[in-house]
């Protein structure tokens, strides 16, 4: 489990640095969505599904994002919606909150916000969503490697990584 956590953490760092590339963002959204789905599959942590679902969705989303560059606006809108829903599910899981059906309603709200962000501010939307997905993957990976990591410390690390990813990808420092 800790090797998989390290893999998720490293992938999150990749998203924080080069997540503004559409295929990388697609892979990150797929991995985060796969991790969110694992919560709803009882016993998935005990078998190979723990690896297959997030990695499989990451590959499918990366290929889909790479192949569909011709329909870039539609792809970014769809990735924004999926990322928004996946982020909500990951944050709920980060704090170990389970509201049943309300989780899915919150994910739907996150999807609408993500799609709206991508429609209005495409370039910055990609940077912000890539940084958010990368930060969440890093915190999930850290929690897998260090199960005693508190939710408060994990969320603090996530916020620092989010801000760092936005600053780095948005080239906010060192800009002339």
Protein backbone atom coordinates (compact mmCIF):
# COMPACT_ATOMS: atom_id res chain seq x y z
CA UNK A 1 0.00 0.00 0.00
CA UNK A 2 2.81 2.45 0.79
CA UNK A 3 4.42 1.94 -2.65
CA UNK A 4 1.09 2.79 -4.26
CA UNK A 5 0.87 5.83 -1.96
CA UNK A 6 4.32 6.92 -3.12
CA UNK A 7 3.23 6.48 -6.75
CA UNK A 8 0.12 8.61 -6.15
CA UNK A 9 2.23 11.24 -4.35
CA UNK A 10 4.77 11.44 -7.20
CA UNK A 11 1.96 11.64 -9.75
CA UNK A 12 0.46 14.50 -7.74
CA UNK A 13 3.82 16.31 -7.87
CA UNK A 14 3.86 15.79 -11.64
CA UNK A 15 0.46 17.45 -11.86
CA UNK A 16 1.63 20.34 -9.71
CA UNK A 17 4.47 21.04 -12.13
CA UNK A 18 3.20 20.15 -15.63
CA UNK A 19 -0.51 19.62 -15.05
CA UNK A 20 -1.43 22.35 -17.51
CA UNK A 21 -0.79 19.84 -20.29
CA UNK A 22 -4.18 18.37 -21.13
CA UNK A 23 -3.12 14.69 -21.22
CA UNK A 24 -1.44 14.98 -17.80
CA UNK A 25 -4.50 16.74 -16.34
CA UNK A 26 -6.73 14.04 -17.84
CA UNK A 27 -4.61 11.30 -16.27
CA UNK A 28 -4.72 13.08 -12.91
CA UNK A 29 -8.49 13.49 -13.01
CA UNK A 30 -8.83 9.80 -13.91
CA UNK A 31 -6.59 8.73 -11.03
CA UNK A 32 -8.42 10.98 -8.53
CA UNK A 33 -11.79 9.74 -9.78
CA UNK A 34 -10.56 6.16 -9.46
CA UNK A 35 -9.50 6.76 -5.86
CA UNK A 36 -12.89 8.32 -5.14
CA UNK A 37 -14.70 5.29 -6.61
CA UNK A 38 -12.68 2.89 -4.45
CA UNK A 39 -14.44 4.25 -1.35
CA UNK A 40 -17.71 2.86 -2.68
CA UNK A 41 -16.36 -0.62 -3.48
CA UNK A 42 -16.25 -2.74 -0.33
CA UNK A 43 -13.11 -4.85 -0.05
CA UNK A 44 -11.36 -3.07 -2.95
CA UNK A 45 -8.39 -2.24 -0.71
CA UNK A 46 -7.73 -5.94 -0.19
CA UNK A 47 -7.25 -6.93 -3.82
CA UNK A 48 -5.88 -5.76 -7.15
CA UNK A 49 -8.77 -3.33 -7.76
CA UNK A 50 -6.89 -0.84 -5.55
CA UNK A 51 -4.34 -0.52 -8.36
CA UNK A 52 -6.36 -1.31 -11.47
CA UNK A 53 -9.18 1.23 -11.11
CA UNK A 54 -7.15 4.45 -10.51
CA UNK A 55 -4.38 3.51 -12.96
CA UNK A 56 -6.88 2.29 -15.56
CA UNK A 57 -8.95 5.47 -15.36
CA UNK A 58 -5.77 7.58 -15.48
CA UNK A 59 -4.71 5.85 -18.71
CA UNK A 60 -8.17 6.10 -20.28
CA UNK A 61 -8.51 9.79 -19.40
CA UNK A 62 -4.97 10.60 -20.59
CA UNK A 63 -5.57 8.88 -23.92
CA UNK A 64 -8.99 10.46 -24.27
CA UNK A 65 -7.61 13.90 -23.53
CA UNK A 66 -4.71 13.43 -25.93
CA UNK A 67 -6.83 12.09 -28.78
CA UNK A 68 -9.58 14.65 -28.46
CA UNK A 69 -7.40 17.75 -28.73
CA UNK A 70 -9.41 18.74 -31.81
CA UNK A 71 -12.45 19.26 -29.63
CA UNK A 72 -10.43 21.14 -27.02
CA UNK A 73 -13.27 23.25 -25.64
CA UNK A 74 -15.49 20.23 -25.10
CA UNK A 75 -12.64 18.24 -23.55
CA UNK A 76 -11.69 21.02 -21.12
CA UNK A 77 -15.34 21.50 -20.17
CA UNK A 78 -15.75 17.76 -19.53
CA UNK A 79 -12.46 17.59 -17.59
CA UNK A 80 -13.55 20.60 -15.55
CA UNK A 81 -16.84 18.92 -14.67
CA UNK A 82 -15.19 15.60 -13.83
CA UNK A 83 -12.42 17.28 -11.85
CA UNK A 84 -14.93 19.37 -9.89
CA UNK A 85 -16.89 16.27 -8.90
CA UNK A 86 -13.75 14.25 -8.14
CA UNK A 87 -12.32 17.06 -6.01
CA UNK A 88 -15.48 17.21 -3.89
CA UNK A 89 -15.45 13.43 -3.38
CA UNK A 90 -11.73 13.50 -2.52
CA UNK A 91 -12.15 16.33 0.00
CA UNK A 92 -15.04 14.49 1.65
CA UNK A 93 -12.88 11.37 1.81
CA UNK A 94 -9.90 13.39 3.11
CA UNK A 95 -11.97 14.40 6.14
CA UNK A 96 -13.65 10.97 6.30
CA UNK A 97 -17.11 12.48 5.81
CA UNK A 98 -19.93 10.33 4.46
CA UNK A 99 -23.33 11.92 3.96
CA UNK A 100 -24.68 9.16 1.74
CA UNK A 101 -26.63 10.51 -1.23
CA UNK A 102 -25.67 14.08 -0.31
CA UNK A 103 -22.07 13.21 -1.31
CA UNK A 104 -23.24 12.72 -4.89
CA UNK A 105 -25.27 15.92 -4.83
CA UNK A 106 -22.19 17.80 -3.59
CA UNK A 107 -20.15 16.13 -6.35
CA UNK A 108 -22.72 17.36 -8.87
CA UNK A 109 -22.36 20.91 -7.52
CA UNK A 110 -18.56 20.52 -7.80
CA UNK A 111 -18.97 19.35 -11.39
CA UNK A 112 -21.04 22.41 -12.28
CA UNK A 113 -18.48 24.72 -10.63
CA UNK A 114 -15.59 22.94 -12.39
CA UNK A 115 -17.29 23.18 -15.78
CA UNK A 116 -18.11 26.84 -15.19
CA UNK A 117 -14.53 27.59 -14.21
CA UNK A 118 -13.25 25.93 -17.37
CA UNK A 119 -15.79 27.68 -19.58
CA UNK A 120 -14.97 31.15 -18.24
CA UNK A 121 -11.22 30.94 -17.64
CA UNK A 122 -9.85 28.07 -19.72
CA UNK A 123 -6.09 28.61 -19.23
CA UNK A 124 -6.33 29.54 -15.57
CA UNK A 125 -9.00 26.89 -15.07
CA UNK A 126 -6.61 24.21 -16.29
CA UNK A 127 -3.85 25.53 -14.00
CA UNK A 128 -6.10 25.75 -10.95
CA UNK A 129 -7.73 22.34 -11.51
CA UNK A 130 -4.37 20.68 -12.23
CA UNK A 131 -2.94 22.17 -9.05
CA UNK A 132 -6.00 21.15 -7.04
CA UNK A 133 -6.01 17.59 -8.38
CA UNK A 134 -2.23 17.36 -7.89
CA UNK A 135 -2.45 18.62 -4.30
CA UNK A 136 -5.23 16.16 -3.50
CA UNK A 137 -3.31 13.26 -5.05
CA UNK A 138 -0.25 14.23 -2.99
CA UNK A 139 -2.24 14.34 0.24
CA UNK A 140 -3.94 11.02 -0.56
CA UNK A 141 -0.52 9.50 -1.27
CA UNK A 142 0.84 10.88 2.00
CA UNK A 143 -2.13 9.47 3.90
CA UNK A 144 -1.51 6.06 2.31
CA UNK A 145 2.18 6.17 3.28
CA UNK A 146 1.56 7.65 6.76
CA UNK A 147 -1.85 6.40 7.97
CA UNK A 148 -1.50 8.34 11.25
CA UNK A 149 -1.32 11.67 9.40
CA UNK A 150 -4.06 13.90 10.80
CA UNK A 151 -6.71 15.43 8.57
CA UNK A 152 -5.68 18.92 9.70
CA UNK A 153 -2.02 18.43 8.76
CA UNK A 154 -2.99 16.74 5.46
CA UNK A 155 -5.28 19.62 4.54
CA UNK A 156 -2.57 22.15 5.44
CA UNK A 157 -0.08 20.32 3.21
CA UNK A 158 -2.72 20.22 0.48
CA UNK A 159 -3.33 23.98 0.63
CA UNK A 160 0.42 24.72 0.53
CA UNK A 161 0.84 22.40 -2.47
CA UNK A 162 -2.19 23.94 -4.20
CA UNK A 163 -0.82 27.47 -3.84
CA UNK A 164 2.66 26.34 -4.89
CA UNK A 165 1.28 24.60 -7.97
CA UNK A 166 -0.72 27.65 -9.03
CA UNK A 167 2.29 29.94 -8.53
CA UNK A 168 4.62 27.60 -10.42
CA UNK A 169 2.35 26.78 -13.37
CA UNK A 170 0.96 30.31 -13.60
CA UNK A 171 4.52 31.67 -13.62
CA UNK A 172 3.51 34.29 -11.07
CA UNK A 173 7.04 34.74 -9.73
CA UNK A 174 9.91 35.68 -11.98
CA UNK A 175 7.54 37.16 -14.54
CA UNK A 176 8.91 40.20 -16.37
